[in-house]
Amino acid sequence: MAGDGGVLKRRIRAGRGEFPIDCPLNDTTVKLHYRARPHRPGATELEGGGGGGGGGGGWAYDSAAAAGEATAAGAGAGAPLEVDTGCGELPEAVELCARLMVPGELARAVAQPRYAYQGRDDAPAGVSQDDVVEFEIELLDFHKEGHWQNLEWAERWAILERLKARGNALYKAGKWKYAANRYQRVLQLVDSTRDFEDEATVDRADAFKLAALGNLALAELGAGEAARAVEWCDKALKLEPGSGKIMLRKAKALSLKGDFEEAEELLAAAEGADAALRADVERERAVNKQRLKAAEEKQRKGFGGFFKK
């Protein structure tokens, strides 16, 4: 599967369609179930099973159970996961397998740590980042989008809207990393486009790009990465230098970084650019002053302790 033997997959149940034309090869939205457990070398490595994948079997993670809708029928019985491939939400082995499956197919895979949970923060209880992991994947369906450059503009706008909406939903749920991945996907698609029809098309694409950059800044702020938020704001301000909303977000990020004076200057600029932001600016200005006061008090205490030595 991975070219280096890092993922070994075996089909347990055939699906509907023809390989590979009915597989989600390109980045798209997929609906699936998957389960995970540490691989047991002494067990049958990729032993098959019927129907829903063999019942309990000591699985450490079951996506249907995680959704709170699993039943005694095992994997495949609960609400499916609906995720966008190419955004990092799934372990790499699961995504590699799903891309080469047809709807209805059930498969098992054994993945080396780098294709499972190594370097990820979502390893389930009972599975470590260094474990070789056995996965069971059932692809239920996927959105057939086709290649980006071959799509009509109406289809492209729909994809961008969906990615933006899913990113916003993940942001509201506090899943900053996955939200950011959706926004970055919007940027990748827009930046890869060369066949703009007219100025109106360019303007609409730029609007998606500006929204994605601003939302990336918000996601980084949510994740506590103020410096990264400033970087995204700077990119957004290159696209639209007079955006008061982006100035306000950058000011907040600067304040969190400890750049209080620069934050204050930018808050004044944001208010000048958009009078409708006055109340938001005043709130952030008060918070910025509180942070400055706290930083000065901490510095004073630090100096006091130094001179007492």
Protein backbone atom coordinates (compact mmCIF):
# COMPACT_ATOMS: atom_id res chain seq x y z
CA MET A 1 0.00 0.00 0.00
CA ALA A 2 2.69 2.53 0.99
CA GLY A 3 5.44 1.35 -1.34
CA ASP A 4 7.74 0.45 1.55
CA GLY A 5 5.70 -2.37 3.07
CA GLY A 6 4.56 -0.09 5.87
CA VAL A 7 0.89 -0.89 5.26
CA LEU A 8 -0.37 -4.38 4.35
CA LYS A 9 -4.03 -4.54 3.34
CA ARG A 10 -6.34 -7.44 2.64
CA ARG A 11 -9.90 -7.29 1.38
CA ILE A 12 -12.40 -9.12 3.57
CA ARG A 13 -15.57 -8.27 1.67
CA ALA A 14 -15.92 -7.04 -1.89
CA GLY A 15 -17.72 -3.80 -2.52
CA ARG A 16 -19.72 -2.27 -5.36
CA GLY A 17 -17.96 -0.89 -8.38
CA GLU A 18 -14.81 -1.26 -10.40
CA PHE A 19 -11.28 -0.69 -9.17
CA PRO A 20 -9.85 1.97 -9.45
CA ILE A 21 -12.41 4.13 -11.27
CA ASP A 22 -14.92 3.78 -8.41
CA CYS A 23 -12.37 4.56 -5.68
CA PRO A 24 -11.94 7.94 -3.94
CA LEU A 25 -8.46 8.43 -5.33
CA ASN A 26 -8.62 12.23 -5.17
CA ASP A 27 -9.20 14.28 -2.03
CA THR A 28 -12.90 14.24 -1.25
CA THR A 29 -15.46 13.54 1.48
CA VAL A 30 -15.71 9.88 2.50
CA LYS A 31 -18.12 8.04 4.77
CA LEU A 32 -16.60 5.09 6.60
CA HIS A 33 -16.23 3.07 9.76
CA TYR A 34 -12.89 1.97 11.13
CA ARG A 35 -11.56 0.12 14.13
CA ALA A 36 -8.05 -0.11 15.58
CA ARG A 37 -6.08 -2.28 17.98
CA PRO A 38 -2.42 -3.14 18.58
CA HIS A 39 -1.33 -5.81 16.12
CA ARG A 40 -0.78 -9.22 17.68
CA PRO A 41 2.08 -10.88 15.76
CA GLY A 42 1.10 -14.32 17.01
CA ALA A 43 -2.43 -13.96 15.66
CA THR A 44 -3.50 -14.49 12.09
CA GLU A 45 -2.05 -11.34 10.55
CA LEU A 46 -4.89 -10.27 8.32
CA GLU A 47 -7.50 -12.82 9.20
CA GLY A 48 -10.75 -12.33 7.40
CA GLY A 49 -14.17 -12.08 8.84
CA GLY A 50 -17.66 -11.85 7.54
CA GLY A 51 -20.24 -9.13 7.55
CA GLY A 52 -19.51 -6.41 10.04
CA GLY A 53 -15.95 -7.40 10.76
CA GLY A 54 -15.98 -10.00 13.48
CA GLY A 55 -17.73 -8.50 16.49
CA GLY A 56 -15.70 -7.38 19.52
CA GLY A 57 -12.22 -8.83 19.02
CA GLY A 58 -10.58 -6.55 21.58
CA TRP A 59 -10.64 -3.44 19.44
CA ALA A 60 -9.20 -0.41 21.23
CA TYR A 61 -11.10 2.00 19.01
CA ASP A 62 -14.35 1.70 17.08
CA SER A 63 -15.56 4.79 15.22
CA ALA A 64 -19.18 3.69 15.55
CA ALA A 65 -18.80 3.25 19.31
CA ALA A 66 -17.03 6.60 19.57
CA ALA A 67 -20.06 8.19 17.94
CA GLY A 68 -22.18 6.65 20.69
CA GLU A 69 -24.21 4.56 18.30
CA ALA A 70 -22.52 1.16 18.22
CA THR A 71 -24.64 -1.94 18.66
CA ALA A 72 -23.93 -5.60 19.22
CA ALA A 73 -23.58 -6.01 15.46
CA GLY A 74 -20.07 -4.52 15.63
CA ALA A 75 -18.38 -2.16 13.17
CA GLY A 76 -20.70 -0.83 10.55
CA ALA A 77 -23.71 -0.65 12.85
CA GLY A 78 -23.39 2.95 14.04
CA ALA A 79 -23.24 6.38 12.46
CA PRO A 80 -20.41 6.58 9.93
CA LEU A 81 -17.55 9.03 10.10
CA GLU A 82 -17.77 11.70 7.42
CA VAL A 83 -14.31 13.15 6.83
CA ASP A 84 -12.33 14.89 4.12
CA THR A 85 -9.30 12.99 2.88
CA GLY A 86 -6.13 14.99 2.53
CA CYS A 87 -6.78 16.91 5.75
CA GLY A 88 -4.96 14.64 8.22
CA GLU A 89 -7.96 13.68 10.31
CA LEU A 90 -7.52 9.95 9.69
CA PRO A 91 -4.45 7.86 10.48
CA GLU A 92 -2.45 7.65 7.25
CA ALA A 93 -2.96 3.90 6.88
CA VAL A 94 -6.74 4.30 7.08
CA GLU A 95 -6.70 7.02 4.44
CA LEU A 96 -4.36 5.07 2.14
CA CYS A 97 -6.67 2.07 2.30
CA ALA A 98 -9.87 4.09 1.87
CA ARG A 99 -8.53 5.76 -1.28
CA LEU A 100 -8.14 2.32 -2.89
CA MET A 101 -11.47 0.84 -1.83
CA VAL A 102 -14.87 0.82 -3.49
CA PRO A 103 -18.11 1.55 -1.59
CA GLY A 104 -19.25 -1.39 0.51
CA GLU A 105 -15.78 -2.90 0.71
CA LEU A 106 -14.46 -4.13 4.06
CA ALA A 107 -10.74 -4.55 4.59
CA ARG A 108 -8.13 -5.07 7.26
CA ALA A 109 -4.67 -3.58 7.32
CA VAL A 110 -1.55 -3.88 9.44
CA ALA A 111 0.32 -0.58 9.68
CA GLN A 112 3.77 0.24 10.95
CA PRO A 113 3.83 3.04 13.57
CA ARG A 114 4.60 5.87 11.11
CA TYR A 115 1.40 5.02 9.20
CA ALA A 116 -0.66 4.54 12.36
CA TYR A 117 -0.40 6.87 15.36
CA GLN A 118 3.26 7.90 15.50
CA GLY A 119 3.44 11.67 15.83
CA ARG A 120 -0.33 11.99 16.28
CA ASP A 121 -2.26 13.03 19.39
CA ASP A 122 -5.34 10.88 18.79
CA ALA A 123 -4.07 7.39 19.61
CA PRO A 124 -6.89 5.58 21.46
CA ALA A 125 -6.46 4.18 24.93
CA GLY A 126 -4.61 0.88 24.69
CA VAL A 127 -2.65 1.91 21.59
CA SER A 128 0.68 3.71 21.83
CA GLN A 129 2.34 5.88 19.20
CA ASP A 130 4.99 3.20 18.73
CA ASP A 131 2.61 0.27 18.21
CA VAL A 132 2.16 -1.64 15.00
CA VAL A 133 -1.59 -1.31 14.54
CA GLU A 134 -4.27 -3.44 12.94
CA PHE A 135 -7.10 -1.49 11.35
CA GLU A 136 -10.43 -2.62 10.00
CA ILE A 137 -11.95 -0.22 7.47
CA GLU A 138 -15.36 -0.23 5.84
CA LEU A 139 -15.90 2.35 3.09
CA LEU A 140 -19.59 3.18 2.86
CA ASP A 141 -19.62 5.95 0.27
CA PHE A 142 -17.77 9.00 -1.00
CA HIS A 143 -18.49 12.22 -2.82
CA LYS A 144 -17.47 11.85 -6.45
CA GLU A 145 -15.95 15.19 -7.30
CA GLY A 146 -13.50 14.53 -10.08
CA HIS A 147 -10.23 16.37 -10.58
CA TRP A 148 -10.32 20.02 -9.50
CA GLN A 149 -8.99 21.43 -12.76
CA ASN A 150 -11.62 19.55 -14.77
CA LEU A 151 -14.61 20.76 -12.76
CA GLU A 152 -17.12 23.42 -13.73
CA TRP A 153 -16.96 26.56 -11.64
CA ALA A 154 -20.28 25.80 -9.94
CA GLU A 155 -18.81 22.52 -8.70
CA ARG A 156 -15.63 24.22 -7.52
CA TRP A 157 -17.55 26.84 -5.56
CA ALA A 158 -19.59 24.06 -3.94
CA ILE A 159 -16.41 22.26 -2.83
CA LEU A 160 -14.93 25.42 -1.36
CA GLU A 161 -18.17 26.22 0.45
CA ARG A 162 -18.29 22.71 1.89
CA LEU A 163 -14.68 22.81 3.08
CA LYS A 164 -15.22 26.21 4.65
CA ALA A 165 -18.42 25.07 6.39
CA ARG A 166 -16.78 21.90 7.70
CA GLY A 167 -13.82 23.93 8.92
CA ASN A 168 -16.15 26.31 10.72
CA ALA A 169 -18.01 23.43 12.36
CA LEU A 170 -14.72 21.90 13.55
CA TYR A 171 -13.58 25.30 14.82
CA LYS A 172 -16.77 25.71 16.86
CA ALA A 173 -16.18 22.22 18.29
CA GLY A 174 -12.71 23.28 19.43
CA LYS A 175 -10.92 21.00 16.95
CA TRP A 176 -8.47 23.69 15.87
CA LYS A 177 -6.03 21.45 13.99
CA TYR A 178 -8.65 19.78 11.83
CA ALA A 179 -10.40 23.09 11.20
CA ALA A 180 -7.08 24.56 10.05
CA ASN A 181 -6.57 21.62 7.71
CA ARG A 182 -9.86 22.43 5.94
CA TYR A 183 -8.94 26.08 5.56
CA GLN A 184 -5.51 25.16 4.22
CA ARG A 185 -7.18 22.86 1.71
CA VAL A 186 -9.24 25.85 0.49
CA LEU A 187 -6.00 27.79 0.01
CA GLN A 188 -4.37 24.91 -1.88
CA LEU A 189 -7.29 24.61 -4.28
CA VAL A 190 -7.56 28.34 -4.93
CA ASP A 191 -3.79 28.75 -5.35
CA SER A 192 -3.65 25.83 -7.80
CA THR A 193 -6.24 27.46 -10.09
CA ARG A 194 -5.02 29.02 -13.33
CA ASP A 195 -8.10 29.01 -15.58
CA PHE A 196 -10.03 31.96 -14.17
CA GLU A 197 -12.80 33.00 -16.55
CA ASP A 198 -12.98 36.71 -15.71
CA GLU A 199 -12.38 39.32 -13.02
CA ALA A 200 -15.54 38.33 -11.15
CA THR A 201 -14.24 34.76 -10.85
CA VAL A 202 -10.92 36.03 -9.53
CA ASP A 203 -12.70 38.23 -6.99
CA ARG A 204 -14.82 35.36 -5.71
CA ALA A 205 -11.78 33.08 -5.41
CA ASP A 206 -9.92 35.84 -3.53
CA ALA A 207 -12.88 36.13 -1.16
CA PHE A 208 -12.58 32.43 -0.33
CA LYS A 209 -8.82 32.86 0.12
CA LEU A 210 -9.22 35.86 2.42
CA ALA A 211 -11.81 34.02 4.54
CA ALA A 212 -9.55 30.96 4.77
CA LEU A 213 -6.54 33.06 5.84
CA GLY A 214 -8.59 34.87 8.47
CA ASN A 215 -10.06 31.62 9.75
CA LEU A 216 -6.60 30.05 9.92
CA ALA A 217 -5.59 32.91 12.18
CA LEU A 218 -8.58 32.19 14.42
CA ALA A 219 -7.77 28.47 14.51
CA GLU A 220 -4.17 29.21 15.50
CA LEU A 221 -5.38 31.56 18.23
CA GLY A 222 -7.65 28.80 19.50
CA ALA A 223 -4.69 26.43 19.56
CA GLY A 224 -2.60 28.96 21.46
CA GLU A 225 -0.27 29.64 18.53
CA ALA A 226 -0.26 33.44 18.49
CA ALA A 227 2.88 33.76 16.35
CA ARG A 228 1.36 31.56 13.66
CA ALA A 229 -1.84 33.59 13.84
CA VAL A 230 0.16 36.75 13.13
CA GLU A 231 1.69 35.07 10.05
CA TRP A 232 -1.73 34.19 8.63
CA CYS A 233 -3.00 37.69 9.32
CA ASP A 234 -0.03 39.17 7.48
CA LYS A 235 -0.84 37.04 4.44
CA ALA A 236 -4.48 38.12 4.61
CA LEU A 237 -3.50 41.78 4.87
CA LYS A 238 -1.37 41.46 1.74
CA LEU A 239 -4.53 40.34 -0.04
CA GLU A 240 -6.73 43.03 1.54
CA PRO A 241 -4.63 45.67 3.34
CA GLY A 242 -7.66 47.62 4.57
CA SER A 243 -9.46 44.77 6.33
CA GLY A 244 -10.33 46.00 9.81
CA LYS A 245 -11.45 42.52 10.84
CA ILE A 246 -8.04 41.03 10.03
CA MET A 247 -6.29 43.92 11.77
CA LEU A 248 -8.33 43.17 14.87
CA ARG A 249 -7.34 39.50 14.80
CA LYS A 250 -3.69 40.37 14.32
CA ALA A 251 -3.88 42.84 17.21
CA LYS A 252 -5.24 40.10 19.48
CA ALA A 253 -2.45 37.75 18.39
CA LEU A 254 0.18 40.45 18.98
CA SER A 255 -1.21 41.11 22.44
CA LEU A 256 -1.03 37.40 23.28
CA LYS A 257 2.59 37.41 22.08
CA GLY A 258 3.37 40.26 24.44
CA ASP A 259 3.68 42.93 21.74
CA PHE A 260 1.30 45.24 23.57
CA GLU A 261 2.30 48.57 22.00
CA GLU A 262 2.09 47.22 18.46
CA ALA A 263 -1.27 45.65 19.32
CA GLU A 264 -2.59 49.01 20.52
CA GLU A 265 -1.49 50.73 17.30
CA LEU A 266 -3.19 48.08 15.22
CA LEU A 267 -6.39 48.31 17.23
CA ALA A 268 -6.55 52.02 16.41
CA ALA A 269 -6.01 51.18 12.75
CA ALA A 270 -8.76 48.55 12.83
CA GLU A 271 -11.23 51.02 14.28
CA GLY A 272 -10.26 53.57 11.65
CA ALA A 273 -10.73 51.03 8.88
CA ASP A 274 -14.14 49.85 10.06
CA ALA A 275 -16.19 51.91 12.52
CA ALA A 276 -18.55 48.95 13.01
CA LEU A 277 -15.73 47.21 14.91
CA ARG A 278 -15.60 49.91 17.62
CA ALA A 279 -17.15 47.78 20.35
CA ASP A 280 -14.89 44.82 19.53
CA VAL A 281 -11.85 47.09 19.44
CA GLU A 282 -12.71 48.57 22.85
CA ARG A 283 -13.07 45.09 24.35
CA GLU A 284 -9.73 43.98 22.95
CA ARG A 285 -8.11 47.26 24.00
CA ALA A 286 -9.21 46.65 27.61
CA VAL A 287 -7.88 43.08 27.50
CA ASN A 288 -4.59 44.30 25.99
CA LYS A 289 -4.18 46.79 28.84
CA GLN A 290 -4.86 44.03 31.39
CA ARG A 291 -2.21 41.82 29.79
CA LEU A 292 0.27 44.70 29.78
CA LYS A 293 -0.41 45.42 33.46
CA ALA A 294 0.01 41.74 34.35
CA ALA A 295 3.27 41.56 32.38
CA GLU A 296 4.64 44.67 34.10
CA GLU A 297 3.69 43.34 37.53
CA LYS A 298 5.40 40.03 36.78
CA GLN A 299 8.50 41.90 35.64
CA ARG A 300 8.54 44.00 38.82
CA LYS A 301 8.30 40.91 40.99
CA GLY A 302 11.08 39.33 39.00
CA PHE A 303 13.37 42.30 39.53
CA GLY A 304 12.42 42.43 43.21
CA GLY A 305 13.47 38.84 43.68
CA PHE A 306 16.74 39.50 41.83
CA PHE A 307 17.78 42.42 44.07
CA LYS A 308 16.98 40.47 47.26
CA LYS A 309 19.56 37.85 46.36
